[in-house]
Amino acid sequence: MIKKSGLMIVALATIVASAYAGNPDRRGQAGAQELLVVPWARSAGWIGINTSTVRGVEAERMNVAGLAFTKKTELNFSRTTWLSGTDIYMNAFGLAQKINESSALGFSVMSIDMGTIDITTTENPDGGLGTYKPSFANIGISYAKSFSDRIHGGATVRVITQSISDVSAQGVAFDAGIQYVTGPKDAIKFGIALRNVGTPMVFGGDGLSARGTMQGNTVALTLAQRSQQFELPSLMNIGASYDLYPMGIDDYKLTVAGNFTSNSFTNDQYGLGAEFSWRNIFAVRTGYQFENGFSTEASRQNVYTGLNFGFSVDAPLGKSIFGFDYAYRGTNPFGGTHLLGVRYTL
């Protein structure tokens, strides 16, 4: 039964990866790029290659199947300094709740803080007309279920909004994922996650309209411009991991993981990483991700250089756990991306 289930997962991964093969010719044709950002510090520490191992709140974004492993209640908050020097910050909040022995619900909110920007026009290119504040946010609701002690699955519905004072766009995205666990001590794990599949988005609003008069006519008219719709950055993650116990005891665990990302609107990506943990109290992790043309700066088309690392500290508080997470992602240019997160688990 285990072998048959494993073969089914491998076959499904092969079929879906072929359908969602990377397409560099479509680069730049998708919007809502914030859906590609890893907002959680633990996952970002090894560049989000934890498709097969992610658990709890963070699974809602990386692979929703991992939400099924929620023990009772988990709260998570993360603050991201994105591309240091740009003054752009991201905030993420998530809640996971076990609802019965095999199922869990999840809720998450992610927003981007770009600060305030001066209003300029062709007549006033230097500003002086006030400021506006862009708003980028998405809200996700998830459900995950353990179908057996080996197979787990889930799905997410995510609402996306982007707006300024007089122009906005909305969309809906769907995620789905499965995880398969096998081997002694559940050491072997596989995961498949389909993300950001949904409706096209299009901008509209008063900001795309202008009032004026036609030549020889005194009647004021309103001219509305149409905005081209854009697709969501859909992708498929396929990952596997293996747990090792180098000291021969459960107190020390080394997890090695690999991940393949098939992007619909850019190059495919490959990632490798490892995490070492001690007594589920302290953990360090690192990851490296690469793609075609990544080896030289002249051909690189990604701001991230591939280098990532992070750590976590979990402090038991009676039956609860308070956790602190940090992650760093190397970039060129800018000063890297830093993530800080806190967790509370009941």
C-alpha atoms as a PDB file:
ATOM      1  CA  MET A   1       0.000   0.000   0.000  1.00  0.00           C
ATOM      2  CA  ILE A   2       2.827   2.395   0.922  1.00  0.00           C
ATOM      3  CA  LYS A   3       4.688   1.650  -2.301  1.00  0.00           C
ATOM      4  CA  LYS A   4       1.536   2.192  -4.375  1.00  0.00           C
ATOM      5  CA  SER A   5       0.836   5.513  -2.652  1.00  0.00           C
ATOM      6  CA  GLY A   6       4.411   6.640  -3.226  1.00  0.00           C
ATOM      7  CA  LEU A   7       4.247   5.743  -6.914  1.00  0.00           C
ATOM      8  CA  MET A   8       0.963   7.626  -7.272  1.00  0.00           C
ATOM      9  CA  ILE A   9       2.501  10.757  -5.749  1.00  0.00           C
ATOM     10  CA  VAL A  10       5.565  10.559  -7.996  1.00  0.00           C
ATOM     11  CA  ALA A  11       3.368  10.072 -11.083  1.00  0.00           C
ATOM     12  CA  LEU A  12       1.143  13.014 -10.113  1.00  0.00           C
ATOM     13  CA  ALA A  13       4.184  15.226  -9.540  1.00  0.00           C
ATOM     14  CA  THR A  14       5.598  14.320 -12.950  1.00  0.00           C
ATOM     15  CA  ILE A  15       2.339  15.057 -14.757  1.00  0.00           C
ATOM     16  CA  VAL A  16       1.730  18.384 -13.019  1.00  0.00           C
ATOM     17  CA  ALA A  17       5.349  19.530 -13.386  1.00  0.00           C
ATOM     18  CA  SER A  18       5.097  18.928 -17.117  1.00  0.00           C
ATOM     19  CA  ALA A  19       1.889  20.943 -17.302  1.00  0.00           C
ATOM     20  CA  TYR A  20       3.417  23.844 -15.342  1.00  0.00           C
ATOM     21  CA  ALA A  21       6.884  23.843 -16.881  1.00  0.00           C
ATOM     22  CA  GLY A  22       8.766  27.114 -16.567  1.00  0.00           C
ATOM     23  CA  ASN A  23       8.324  29.561 -19.435  1.00  0.00           C
ATOM     24  CA  PRO A  24      10.924  32.384 -19.522  1.00  0.00           C
ATOM     25  CA  ASP A  25       9.201  33.860 -22.610  1.00  0.00           C
ATOM     26  CA  ARG A  26       6.252  34.854 -20.379  1.00  0.00           C
ATOM     27  CA  ARG A  27       8.439  36.659 -17.843  1.00  0.00           C
ATOM     28  CA  GLY A  28       6.863  39.920 -16.697  1.00  0.00           C
ATOM     29  CA  GLN A  29       3.341  38.958 -17.808  1.00  0.00           C
ATOM     30  CA  ALA A  30       2.127  38.002 -14.323  1.00  0.00           C
ATOM     31  CA  GLY A  31       1.270  40.411 -11.523  1.00  0.00           C
ATOM     32  CA  ALA A  32       0.642  40.102  -7.774  1.00  0.00           C
ATOM     33  CA  GLN A  33       4.287  39.155  -7.259  1.00  0.00           C
ATOM     34  CA  GLU A  34       3.847  39.460  -3.502  1.00  0.00           C
ATOM     35  CA  LEU A  35       2.307  35.975  -3.657  1.00  0.00           C
ATOM     36  CA  LEU A  36       5.799  34.632  -4.371  1.00  0.00           C
ATOM     37  CA  VAL A  37       7.343  36.144  -1.240  1.00  0.00           C
ATOM     38  CA  VAL A  38       7.966  33.798   1.707  1.00  0.00           C
ATOM     39  CA  PRO A  39       6.540  35.794   4.655  1.00  0.00           C
ATOM     40  CA  TRP A  40       7.464  33.363   7.464  1.00  0.00           C
ATOM     41  CA  ALA A  41      10.929  33.363   9.031  1.00  0.00           C
ATOM     42  CA  ARG A  42      11.301  29.616   9.573  1.00  0.00           C
ATOM     43  CA  SER A  43      10.437  28.791   5.967  1.00  0.00           C
ATOM     44  CA  ALA A  44      12.552  31.647   4.590  1.00  0.00           C
ATOM     45  CA  GLY A  45      15.591  30.364   6.498  1.00  0.00           C
ATOM     46  CA  TRP A  46      15.926  27.577   3.968  1.00  0.00           C
ATOM     47  CA  ILE A  47      14.357  29.495   1.077  1.00  0.00           C
ATOM     48  CA  GLY A  48      10.961  27.795   1.248  1.00  0.00           C
ATOM     49  CA  ILE A  49      12.183  24.364   0.141  1.00  0.00           C
ATOM     50  CA  ASN A  50      10.276  22.774   3.051  1.00  0.00           C
ATOM     51  CA  THR A  51       7.386  21.658   0.844  1.00  0.00           C
ATOM     52  CA  SER A  52       7.485  18.203   2.442  1.00  0.00           C
ATOM     53  CA  THR A  53       8.229  19.209   6.054  1.00  0.00           C
ATOM     54  CA  VAL A  54       6.361  22.452   6.758  1.00  0.00           C
ATOM     55  CA  ARG A  55       3.873  22.275   9.619  1.00  0.00           C
ATOM     56  CA  GLY A  56       1.280  24.504  11.297  1.00  0.00           C
ATOM     57  CA  VAL A  57       0.602  28.133  10.360  1.00  0.00           C
ATOM     58  CA  GLU A  58       3.475  28.410   7.869  1.00  0.00           C
ATOM     59  CA  ALA A  59       2.026  25.532   5.846  1.00  0.00           C
ATOM     60  CA  GLU A  60      -0.903  27.766   4.887  1.00  0.00           C
ATOM     61  CA  ARG A  61       1.471  29.552   2.494  1.00  0.00           C
ATOM     62  CA  MET A  62       4.090  26.899   1.629  1.00  0.00           C
ATOM     63  CA  ASN A  63       2.087  23.648   1.428  1.00  0.00           C
ATOM     64  CA  VAL A  64      -1.340  23.727   3.011  1.00  0.00           C
ATOM     65  CA  ALA A  65      -1.274  19.952   3.645  1.00  0.00           C
ATOM     66  CA  GLY A  66       1.074  20.588   6.587  1.00  0.00           C
ATOM     67  CA  LEU A  67      -1.705  22.482   8.361  1.00  0.00           C
ATOM     68  CA  ALA A  68      -3.191  19.088   9.248  1.00  0.00           C
ATOM     69  CA  PHE A  69      -0.313  18.547  11.734  1.00  0.00           C
ATOM     70  CA  THR A  70      -1.524  21.405  13.962  1.00  0.00           C
ATOM     71  CA  LYS A  71      -1.721  20.008  17.500  1.00  0.00           C
ATOM     72  CA  LYS A  72      -4.171  22.474  19.008  1.00  0.00           C
ATOM     73  CA  THR A  73      -3.771  26.241  18.447  1.00  0.00           C
ATOM     74  CA  GLU A  74      -0.891  28.154  16.896  1.00  0.00           C
ATOM     75  CA  LEU A  75      -0.394  31.902  16.433  1.00  0.00           C
ATOM     76  CA  ASN A  76       2.361  33.336  14.274  1.00  0.00           C
ATOM     77  CA  PHE A  77       3.502  36.881  13.489  1.00  0.00           C
ATOM     78  CA  SER A  78       6.346  37.842  11.182  1.00  0.00           C
ATOM     79  CA  ARG A  79       7.926  41.159  10.180  1.00  0.00           C
ATOM     80  CA  THR A  80      10.021  41.366   7.005  1.00  0.00           C
ATOM     81  CA  THR A  81      12.495  44.055   6.021  1.00  0.00           C
ATOM     82  CA  TRP A  82      12.329  43.444   2.283  1.00  0.00           C
ATOM     83  CA  LEU A  83      15.420  44.311   0.226  1.00  0.00           C
ATOM     84  CA  SER A  84      17.074  46.466   2.890  1.00  0.00           C
ATOM     85  CA  GLY A  85      17.414  50.028   1.661  1.00  0.00           C
ATOM     86  CA  THR A  86      14.059  50.158  -0.145  1.00  0.00           C
ATOM     87  CA  ASP A  87      12.099  51.017   3.036  1.00  0.00           C
ATOM     88  CA  ILE A  88       9.536  48.338   2.185  1.00  0.00           C
ATOM     89  CA  TYR A  89       8.223  46.124   5.000  1.00  0.00           C
ATOM     90  CA  MET A  90       5.890  43.139   5.108  1.00  0.00           C
ATOM     91  CA  ASN A  91       3.725  41.992   7.991  1.00  0.00           C
ATOM     92  CA  ALA A  92       2.150  38.540   8.240  1.00  0.00           C
ATOM     93  CA  PHE A  93      -0.197  37.083  10.833  1.00  0.00           C
ATOM     94  CA  GLY A  94      -1.506  33.549  10.926  1.00  0.00           C
ATOM     95  CA  LEU A  95      -3.758  31.368  13.058  1.00  0.00           C
ATOM     96  CA  ALA A  96      -4.083  27.581  12.926  1.00  0.00           C
ATOM     97  CA  GLN A  97      -6.720  25.689  14.897  1.00  0.00           C
ATOM     98  CA  LYS A  98      -7.295  21.952  15.238  1.00  0.00           C
ATOM     99  CA  ILE A  99     -11.014  21.229  14.870  1.00  0.00           C
ATOM    100  CA  ASN A 100     -11.010  17.436  15.331  1.00  0.00           C
ATOM    101  CA  GLU A 101      -8.580  14.522  15.374  1.00  0.00           C
ATOM    102  CA  SER A 102      -7.851  14.698  11.653  1.00  0.00           C
ATOM    103  CA  SER A 103      -8.670  18.243  10.463  1.00  0.00           C
ATOM    104  CA  ALA A 104      -7.506  21.817  11.004  1.00  0.00           C
ATOM    105  CA  LEU A 105      -8.461  25.304   9.855  1.00  0.00           C
ATOM    106  CA  GLY A 106      -6.087  28.144   9.075  1.00  0.00           C
ATOM    107  CA  PHE A 107      -6.332  31.891   8.610  1.00  0.00           C
ATOM    108  CA  SER A 108      -3.618  34.302   7.476  1.00  0.00           C
ATOM    109  CA  VAL A 109      -3.198  37.960   6.553  1.00  0.00           C
ATOM    110  CA  MET A 110      -0.209  39.455   4.746  1.00  0.00           C
ATOM    111  CA  SER A 111       0.247  43.162   4.007  1.00  0.00           C
ATOM    112  CA  ILE A 112       2.995  45.300   2.495  1.00  0.00           C
ATOM    113  CA  ASP A 113       3.997  48.680   3.923  1.00  0.00           C
ATOM    114  CA  MET A 114       5.566  50.907   1.264  1.00  0.00           C
ATOM    115  CA  GLY A 115       5.256  54.119   3.259  1.00  0.00           C
ATOM    116  CA  THR A 116       3.862  57.314   1.736  1.00  0.00           C
ATOM    117  CA  ILE A 117       4.651  58.579  -1.772  1.00  0.00           C
ATOM    118  CA  ASP A 118       4.403  62.140  -3.067  1.00  0.00           C
ATOM    119  CA  ILE A 119       1.640  62.817  -5.585  1.00  0.00           C
ATOM    120  CA  THR A 120       3.054  64.129  -8.863  1.00  0.00           C
ATOM    121  CA  THR A 121       1.493  65.117 -12.173  1.00  0.00           C
ATOM    122  CA  THR A 122       2.807  66.277 -15.522  1.00  0.00           C
ATOM    123  CA  GLU A 123       2.108  69.848 -14.409  1.00  0.00           C
ATOM    124  CA  ASN A 124       3.635  69.306 -10.940  1.00  0.00           C
ATOM    125  CA  PRO A 125       6.506  66.810 -11.354  1.00  0.00           C
ATOM    126  CA  ASP A 126       8.085  67.893  -8.054  1.00  0.00           C
ATOM    127  CA  GLY A 127       5.009  67.078  -5.985  1.00  0.00           C
ATOM    128  CA  GLY A 128       3.545  69.415  -3.409  1.00  0.00           C
ATOM    129  CA  LEU A 129       0.041  68.005  -3.964  1.00  0.00           C
ATOM    130  CA  GLY A 130       0.014  65.702  -0.971  1.00  0.00           C
ATOM    131  CA  THR A 131       0.854  62.031  -0.603  1.00  0.00           C
ATOM    132  CA  TYR A 132      -0.730  58.623  -1.114  1.00  0.00           C
ATOM    133  CA  LYS A 133      -0.138  55.219   0.436  1.00  0.00           C
ATOM    134  CA  PRO A 134      -0.251  52.036  -1.669  1.00  0.00           C
ATOM    135  CA  SER A 135      -2.055  49.063  -0.142  1.00  0.00           C
ATOM    136  CA  PHE A 136      -1.071  45.482  -1.012  1.00  0.00           C
ATOM    137  CA  ALA A 137      -2.716  42.730   1.032  1.00  0.00           C
ATOM    138  CA  ASN A 138      -4.053  39.201   0.818  1.00  0.00           C
ATOM    139  CA  ILE A 139      -6.191  37.101   3.149  1.00  0.00           C
ATOM    140  CA  GLY A 140      -6.233  33.303   3.116  1.00  0.00           C
ATOM    141  CA  ILE A 141      -8.577  30.717   4.618  1.00  0.00           C
ATOM    142  CA  SER A 142      -7.399  27.104   4.646  1.00  0.00           C
ATOM    143  CA  TYR A 143      -8.601  23.620   5.468  1.00  0.00           C
ATOM    144  CA  ALA A 144      -6.413  20.530   5.828  1.00  0.00           C
ATOM    145  CA  LYS A 145      -7.136  16.915   6.683  1.00  0.00           C
ATOM    146  CA  SER A 146      -5.158  13.776   7.524  1.00  0.00           C
ATOM    147  CA  PHE A 147      -6.616  10.968   5.424  1.00  0.00           C
ATOM    148  CA  SER A 148      -4.372   8.452   7.186  1.00  0.00           C
ATOM    149  CA  ASP A 149      -1.194   8.529   9.255  1.00  0.00           C
ATOM    150  CA  ARG A 150       0.694   8.707   5.930  1.00  0.00           C
ATOM    151  CA  ILE A 151      -1.306  10.943   3.593  1.00  0.00           C
ATOM    152  CA  HIS A 152      -2.351  14.533   4.317  1.00  0.00           C
ATOM    153  CA  GLY A 153      -3.963  17.144   2.075  1.00  0.00           C
ATOM    154  CA  GLY A 154      -5.466  20.605   2.101  1.00  0.00           C
ATOM    155  CA  ALA A 155      -6.660  23.631   0.149  1.00  0.00           C
ATOM    156  CA  THR A 156      -6.606  27.426   0.514  1.00  0.00           C
ATOM    157  CA  VAL A 157      -8.731  30.248  -0.863  1.00  0.00           C
ATOM    158  CA  ARG A 158      -6.907  33.578  -0.941  1.00  0.00           C
ATOM    159  CA  VAL A 159      -8.317  37.043  -1.673  1.00  0.00           C
ATOM    160  CA  ILE A 160      -5.818  39.535  -3.148  1.00  0.00           C
ATOM    161  CA  THR A 161      -6.135  43.316  -3.183  1.00  0.00           C
ATOM    162  CA  GLN A 162      -3.879  46.033  -4.580  1.00  0.00           C
ATOM    163  CA  SER A 163      -4.852  49.694  -4.455  1.00  0.00           C
ATOM    164  CA  ILE A 164      -3.927  53.337  -4.212  1.00  0.00           C
ATOM    165  CA  SER A 165      -6.370  56.163  -3.541  1.00  0.00           C
ATOM    166  CA  ASP A 166      -8.145  56.022  -6.910  1.00  0.00           C
ATOM    167  CA  VAL A 167      -7.098  52.766  -8.626  1.00  0.00           C
ATOM    168  CA  SER A 168      -7.500  49.197  -7.377  1.00  0.00           C
ATOM    169  CA  ALA A 169      -7.502  45.563  -8.425  1.00  0.00           C
ATOM    170  CA  GLN A 170      -8.880  42.423  -6.764  1.00  0.00           C
ATOM    171  CA  GLY A 171      -8.456  38.726  -7.399  1.00  0.00           C
ATOM    172  CA  VAL A 172      -8.942  35.256  -5.922  1.00  0.00           C
ATOM    173  CA  ALA A 173      -6.278  32.550  -5.810  1.00  0.00           C
ATOM    174  CA  PHE A 174      -6.449  28.875  -4.881  1.00  0.00           C
ATOM    175  CA  ASP A 175      -3.740  26.667  -3.368  1.00  0.00           C
ATOM    176  CA  ALA A 176      -3.745  22.899  -2.905  1.00  0.00           C
ATOM    177  CA  GLY A 177      -1.203  20.484  -1.515  1.00  0.00           C
ATOM    178  CA  ILE A 178      -0.479  16.967  -0.340  1.00  0.00           C
ATOM    179  CA  GLN A 179       2.175  15.449   1.911  1.00  0.00           C
ATOM    180  CA  TYR A 180       3.198  11.819   2.217  1.00  0.00           C
ATOM    181  CA  VAL A 181       5.124  10.484   5.224  1.00  0.00           C
ATOM    182  CA  THR A 182       6.802   7.076   5.456  1.00  0.00           C
ATOM    183  CA  GLY A 183       9.848   5.218   6.759  1.00  0.00           C
ATOM    184  CA  PRO A 184      11.122   4.502  10.281  1.00  0.00           C
ATOM    185  CA  LYS A 185      10.284   7.388  12.636  1.00  0.00           C
ATOM    186  CA  ASP A 186       8.465   8.989   9.666  1.00  0.00           C
ATOM    187  CA  ALA A 187      11.895  10.040   8.393  1.00  0.00           C
ATOM    188  CA  ILE A 188      10.983  10.148   4.688  1.00  0.00           C
ATOM    189  CA  LYS A 189       8.628  12.852   3.498  1.00  0.00           C
ATOM    190  CA  PHE A 190       7.296  13.971   0.104  1.00  0.00           C
ATOM    191  CA  GLY A 191       5.243  17.036  -0.717  1.00  0.00           C
ATOM    192  CA  ILE A 192       3.501  18.621  -3.705  1.00  0.00           C
ATOM    193  CA  ALA A 193       1.984  22.118  -3.597  1.00  0.00           C
ATOM    194  CA  LEU A 194       0.112  23.960  -6.342  1.00  0.00           C
ATOM    195  CA  ARG A 195      -0.076  27.682  -5.590  1.00  0.00           C
ATOM    196  CA  ASN A 196      -1.579  30.902  -6.942  1.00  0.00           C
ATOM    197  CA  VAL A 197      -4.034  29.447  -9.433  1.00  0.00           C
ATOM    198  CA  GLY A 198      -6.929  31.836  -9.877  1.00  0.00           C
ATOM    199  CA  THR A 199      -8.729  34.615 -11.655  1.00  0.00           C
ATOM    200  CA  PRO A 200      -6.937  37.271 -13.735  1.00  0.00           C
ATOM    201  CA  MET A 201      -6.750  40.725 -12.138  1.00  0.00           C
ATOM    202  CA  VAL A 202      -7.309  44.105 -13.754  1.00  0.00           C
ATOM    203  CA  PHE A 203      -6.928  47.646 -12.411  1.00  0.00           C
ATOM    204  CA  GLY A 204      -9.842  50.066 -12.505  1.00  0.00           C
ATOM    205  CA  GLY A 205     -11.049  53.256 -10.863  1.00  0.00           C
ATOM    206  CA  ASP A 206     -11.245  57.023 -11.203  1.00  0.00           C
ATOM    207  CA  GLY A 207      -7.479  57.232 -11.566  1.00  0.00           C
ATOM    208  CA  LEU A 208      -7.803  55.786 -15.066  1.00  0.00           C
ATOM    209  CA  SER A 209     -10.323  58.438 -16.102  1.00  0.00           C
ATOM    210  CA  ALA A 210      -9.834  62.030 -17.276  1.00  0.00           C
ATOM    211  CA  ARG A 211     -12.270  64.912 -17.903  1.00  0.00           C
ATOM    212  CA  GLY A 212     -11.926  67.412 -20.717  1.00  0.00           C
ATOM    213  CA  THR A 213     -13.600  68.999 -23.719  1.00  0.00           C
ATOM    214  CA  MET A 214     -13.253  68.076 -27.370  1.00  0.00           C
ATOM    215  CA  GLN A 215     -12.024  70.668 -29.843  1.00  0.00           C
ATOM    216  CA  GLY A 216     -14.889  72.912 -30.865  1.00  0.00           C
ATOM    217  CA  ASN A 217     -17.159  71.579 -28.124  1.00  0.00           C
ATOM    218  CA  THR A 218     -17.836  73.091 -24.689  1.00  0.00           C
ATOM    219  CA  VAL A 219     -19.442  69.980 -23.217  1.00  0.00           C
ATOM    220  CA  ALA A 220     -17.190  68.253 -20.661  1.00  0.00           C
ATOM    221  CA  LEU A 221     -16.598  64.571 -21.324  1.00  0.00           C
ATOM    222  CA  THR A 222     -15.075  61.793 -19.236  1.00  0.00           C
ATOM    223  CA  LEU A 223     -12.553  59.529 -20.941  1.00  0.00           C
ATOM    224  CA  ALA A 224     -12.018  56.152 -19.267  1.00  0.00           C
ATOM    225  CA  GLN A 225      -8.910  54.180 -20.135  1.00  0.00           C
ATOM    226  CA  ARG A 226      -8.874  50.400 -20.070  1.00  0.00           C
ATOM    227  CA  SER A 227      -6.220  48.553 -18.135  1.00  0.00           C
ATOM    228  CA  GLN A 228      -4.784  45.298 -19.437  1.00  0.00           C
ATOM    229  CA  GLN A 229      -5.609  42.337 -17.203  1.00  0.00           C
ATOM    230  CA  PHE A 230      -2.792  40.194 -15.821  1.00  0.00           C
ATOM    231  CA  GLU A 231      -2.430  36.628 -14.589  1.00  0.00           C
ATOM    232  CA  LEU A 232      -1.405  35.397 -11.154  1.00  0.00           C
ATOM    233  CA  PRO A 233       2.127  33.920 -10.748  1.00  0.00           C
ATOM    234  CA  SER A 234       1.069  30.259 -10.532  1.00  0.00           C
ATOM    235  CA  LEU A 235       3.667  27.648  -9.634  1.00  0.00           C
ATOM    236  CA  MET A 236       4.162  24.053  -8.554  1.00  0.00           C
ATOM    237  CA  ASN A 237       6.511  22.946  -5.763  1.00  0.00           C
ATOM    238  CA  ILE A 238       7.712  19.341  -5.509  1.00  0.00           C
ATOM    239  CA  GLY A 239       9.848  18.500  -2.486  1.00  0.00           C
ATOM    240  CA  ALA A 240      11.338  15.632  -0.508  1.00  0.00           C
ATOM    241  CA  SER A 241      13.246  15.361   2.760  1.00  0.00           C
ATOM    242  CA  TYR A 242      14.986  12.812   4.960  1.00  0.00           C
ATOM    243  CA  ASP A 243      15.589  12.910   8.724  1.00  0.00           C
ATOM    244  CA  LEU A 244      18.909  11.716  10.147  1.00  0.00           C
ATOM    245  CA  TYR A 245      19.882  11.186  13.781  1.00  0.00           C
ATOM    246  CA  PRO A 246      23.666  11.611  13.789  1.00  0.00           C
ATOM    247  CA  MET A 247      24.088  11.031  17.537  1.00  0.00           C
ATOM    248  CA  GLY A 248      21.901   7.931  17.479  1.00  0.00           C
ATOM    249  CA  ILE A 249      19.285   9.582  19.722  1.00  0.00           C
ATOM    250  CA  ASP A 250      16.171  11.637  19.038  1.00  0.00           C
ATOM    251  CA  ASP A 251      17.586  14.752  20.755  1.00  0.00           C
ATOM    252  CA  TYR A 252      19.669  15.601  17.686  1.00  0.00           C
ATOM    253  CA  LYS A 253      18.064  15.619  14.253  1.00  0.00           C
ATOM    254  CA  LEU A 254      19.440  16.608  10.869  1.00  0.00           C
ATOM    255  CA  THR A 255      16.931  17.083   8.055  1.00  0.00           C
ATOM    256  CA  VAL A 256      18.140  17.345   4.468  1.00  0.00           C
ATOM    257  CA  ALA A 257      15.672  18.559   1.840  1.00  0.00           C
ATOM    258  CA  GLY A 258      15.390  19.265  -1.861  1.00  0.00           C
ATOM    259  CA  ASN A 259      12.784  21.129  -3.856  1.00  0.00           C
ATOM    260  CA  PHE A 260      11.879  21.785  -7.484  1.00  0.00           C
ATOM    261  CA  THR A 261       9.769  24.833  -8.375  1.00  0.00           C
ATOM    262  CA  SER A 262       8.029  24.892 -11.734  1.00  0.00           C
ATOM    263  CA  ASN A 263       7.079  28.514 -12.478  1.00  0.00           C
ATOM    264  CA  SER A 264       4.512  29.375 -15.124  1.00  0.00           C
ATOM    265  CA  PHE A 265       5.951  32.841 -15.826  1.00  0.00           C
ATOM    266  CA  THR A 266       9.707  32.554 -15.304  1.00  0.00           C
ATOM    267  CA  ASN A 267      12.586  30.086 -14.990  1.00  0.00           C
ATOM    268  CA  ASP A 268      12.231  26.861 -13.036  1.00  0.00           C
ATOM    269  CA  GLN A 269      14.175  26.787  -9.761  1.00  0.00           C
ATOM    270  CA  TYR A 270      16.007  24.108  -7.786  1.00  0.00           C
ATOM    271  CA  GLY A 271      16.734  24.248  -4.069  1.00  0.00           C
ATOM    272  CA  LEU A 272      18.740  22.298  -1.513  1.00  0.00           C
ATOM    273  CA  GLY A 273      18.816  22.824   2.235  1.00  0.00           C
ATOM    274  CA  ALA A 274      19.387  21.377   5.679  1.00  0.00           C
ATOM    275  CA  GLU A 275      18.135  21.938   9.211  1.00  0.00           C
ATOM    276  CA  PHE A 276      19.774  20.793  12.440  1.00  0.00           C
ATOM    277  CA  SER A 277      17.669  20.775  15.609  1.00  0.00           C
ATOM    278  CA  TRP A 278      18.331  19.983  19.268  1.00  0.00           C
ATOM    279  CA  ARG A 279      15.503  18.712  21.469  1.00  0.00           C
ATOM    280  CA  ASN A 280      12.984  20.783  19.506  1.00  0.00           C
ATOM    281  CA  ILE A 281      14.347  23.797  21.426  1.00  0.00           C
ATOM    282  CA  PHE A 282      16.998  25.183  19.091  1.00  0.00           C
ATOM    283  CA  ALA A 283      17.325  24.821  15.324  1.00  0.00           C
ATOM    284  CA  VAL A 284      19.571  26.260  12.618  1.00  0.00           C
ATOM    285  CA  ARG A 285      18.890  25.969   8.909  1.00  0.00           C
ATOM    286  CA  THR A 286      20.273  27.002   5.550  1.00  0.00           C
ATOM    287  CA  GLY A 287      19.212  26.732   1.929  1.00  0.00           C
ATOM    288  CA  TYR A 288      20.440  27.525  -1.557  1.00  0.00           C
ATOM    289  CA  GLN A 289      18.308  28.032  -4.651  1.00  0.00           C
ATOM    290  CA  PHE A 290      19.444  28.336  -8.254  1.00  0.00           C
ATOM    291  CA  GLU A 291      18.026  28.573 -11.775  1.00  0.00           C
ATOM    292  CA  ASN A 292      19.193  28.872 -15.388  1.00  0.00           C
ATOM    293  CA  GLY A 293      21.587  31.780 -15.910  1.00  0.00           C
ATOM    294  CA  PHE A 294      22.162  32.061 -12.169  1.00  0.00           C
ATOM    295  CA  SER A 295      25.928  31.460 -12.175  1.00  0.00           C
ATOM    296  CA  THR A 296      26.989  34.903 -13.413  1.00  0.00           C
ATOM    297  CA  GLU A 297      25.793  38.385 -12.496  1.00  0.00           C
ATOM    298  CA  ALA A 298      25.436  39.364 -16.159  1.00  0.00           C
ATOM    299  CA  SER A 299      22.879  36.625 -16.859  1.00  0.00           C
ATOM    300  CA  ARG A 300      21.158  36.548 -13.451  1.00  0.00           C
ATOM    301  CA  GLN A 301      17.514  37.616 -13.572  1.00  0.00           C
ATOM    302  CA  ASN A 302      16.741  37.270  -9.868  1.00  0.00           C
ATOM    303  CA  VAL A 303      17.639  39.751  -7.126  1.00  0.00           C
ATOM    304  CA  TYR A 304      18.246  36.882  -4.687  1.00  0.00           C
ATOM    305  CA  THR A 305      21.746  35.404  -4.784  1.00  0.00           C
ATOM    306  CA  GLY A 306      20.636  32.040  -3.440  1.00  0.00           C
ATOM    307  CA  LEU A 307      22.194  32.296   0.034  1.00  0.00           C
ATOM    308  CA  ASN A 308      19.780  31.852   2.971  1.00  0.00           C
ATOM    309  CA  PHE A 309      20.098  30.935   6.620  1.00  0.00           C
ATOM    310  CA  GLY A 310      18.104  31.203   9.830  1.00  0.00           C
ATOM    311  CA  PHE A 311      17.554  29.909  13.343  1.00  0.00           C
ATOM    312  CA  SER A 312      14.721  29.281  15.810  1.00  0.00           C
ATOM    313  CA  VAL A 313      14.472  29.142  19.599  1.00  0.00           C
ATOM    314  CA  ASP A 314      11.463  27.521  21.283  1.00  0.00           C
ATOM    315  CA  ALA A 315      10.886  28.088  25.003  1.00  0.00           C
ATOM    316  CA  PRO A 316       8.431  25.751  26.783  1.00  0.00           C
ATOM    317  CA  LEU A 317       5.933  27.615  28.982  1.00  0.00           C
ATOM    318  CA  GLY A 318       4.069  24.861  30.784  1.00  0.00           C
ATOM    319  CA  LYS A 319       1.925  23.210  28.125  1.00  0.00           C
ATOM    320  CA  SER A 320       2.546  26.084  25.711  1.00  0.00           C
ATOM    321  CA  ILE A 321       5.558  27.023  23.585  1.00  0.00           C
ATOM    322  CA  PHE A 322       6.835  30.494  22.758  1.00  0.00           C
ATOM    323  CA  GLY A 323       9.106  30.617  19.717  1.00  0.00           C
ATOM    324  CA  PHE A 324      11.381  33.174  18.089  1.00  0.00           C
ATOM    325  CA  ASP A 325      12.554  32.901  14.472  1.00  0.00           C
ATOM    326  CA  TYR A 326      15.055  34.805  12.342  1.00  0.00           C
ATOM    327  CA  ALA A 327      16.020  34.438   8.677  1.00  0.00           C
ATOM    328  CA  TYR A 328      18.274  36.178   6.183  1.00  0.00           C
ATOM    329  CA  ARG A 329      18.117  36.031   2.390  1.00  0.00           C
ATOM    330  CA  GLY A 330      21.087  37.338   0.421  1.00  0.00           C
ATOM    331  CA  THR A 331      20.443  39.780  -2.442  1.00  0.00           C
ATOM    332  CA  ASN A 332      22.394  41.700  -5.061  1.00  0.00           C
ATOM    333  CA  PRO A 333      21.806  44.628  -5.120  1.00  0.00           C
ATOM    334  CA  PHE A 334      20.329  45.929  -1.824  1.00  0.00           C
ATOM    335  CA  GLY A 335      21.261  44.774   1.653  1.00  0.00           C
ATOM    336  CA  GLY A 336      19.414  41.474   1.812  1.00  0.00           C
ATOM    337  CA  THR A 337      16.014  40.557   3.239  1.00  0.00           C
ATOM    338  CA  HIS A 338      15.611  40.076   7.002  1.00  0.00           C
ATOM    339  CA  LEU A 339      12.694  38.310   8.691  1.00  0.00           C
ATOM    340  CA  LEU A 340      11.767  38.236  12.385  1.00  0.00           C
ATOM    341  CA  GLY A 341       8.962  36.054  13.689  1.00  0.00           C
ATOM    342  CA  VAL A 342       7.323  35.084  16.954  1.00  0.00           C
ATOM    343  CA  ARG A 343       5.103  32.062  17.562  1.00  0.00           C
ATOM    344  CA  TYR A 344       2.804  30.929  20.345  1.00  0.00           C
ATOM    345  CA  THR A 345       1.614  27.341  20.399  1.00  0.00           C
ATOM    346  CA  LEU A 346      -0.958  25.889  22.803  1.00  0.00           C
END
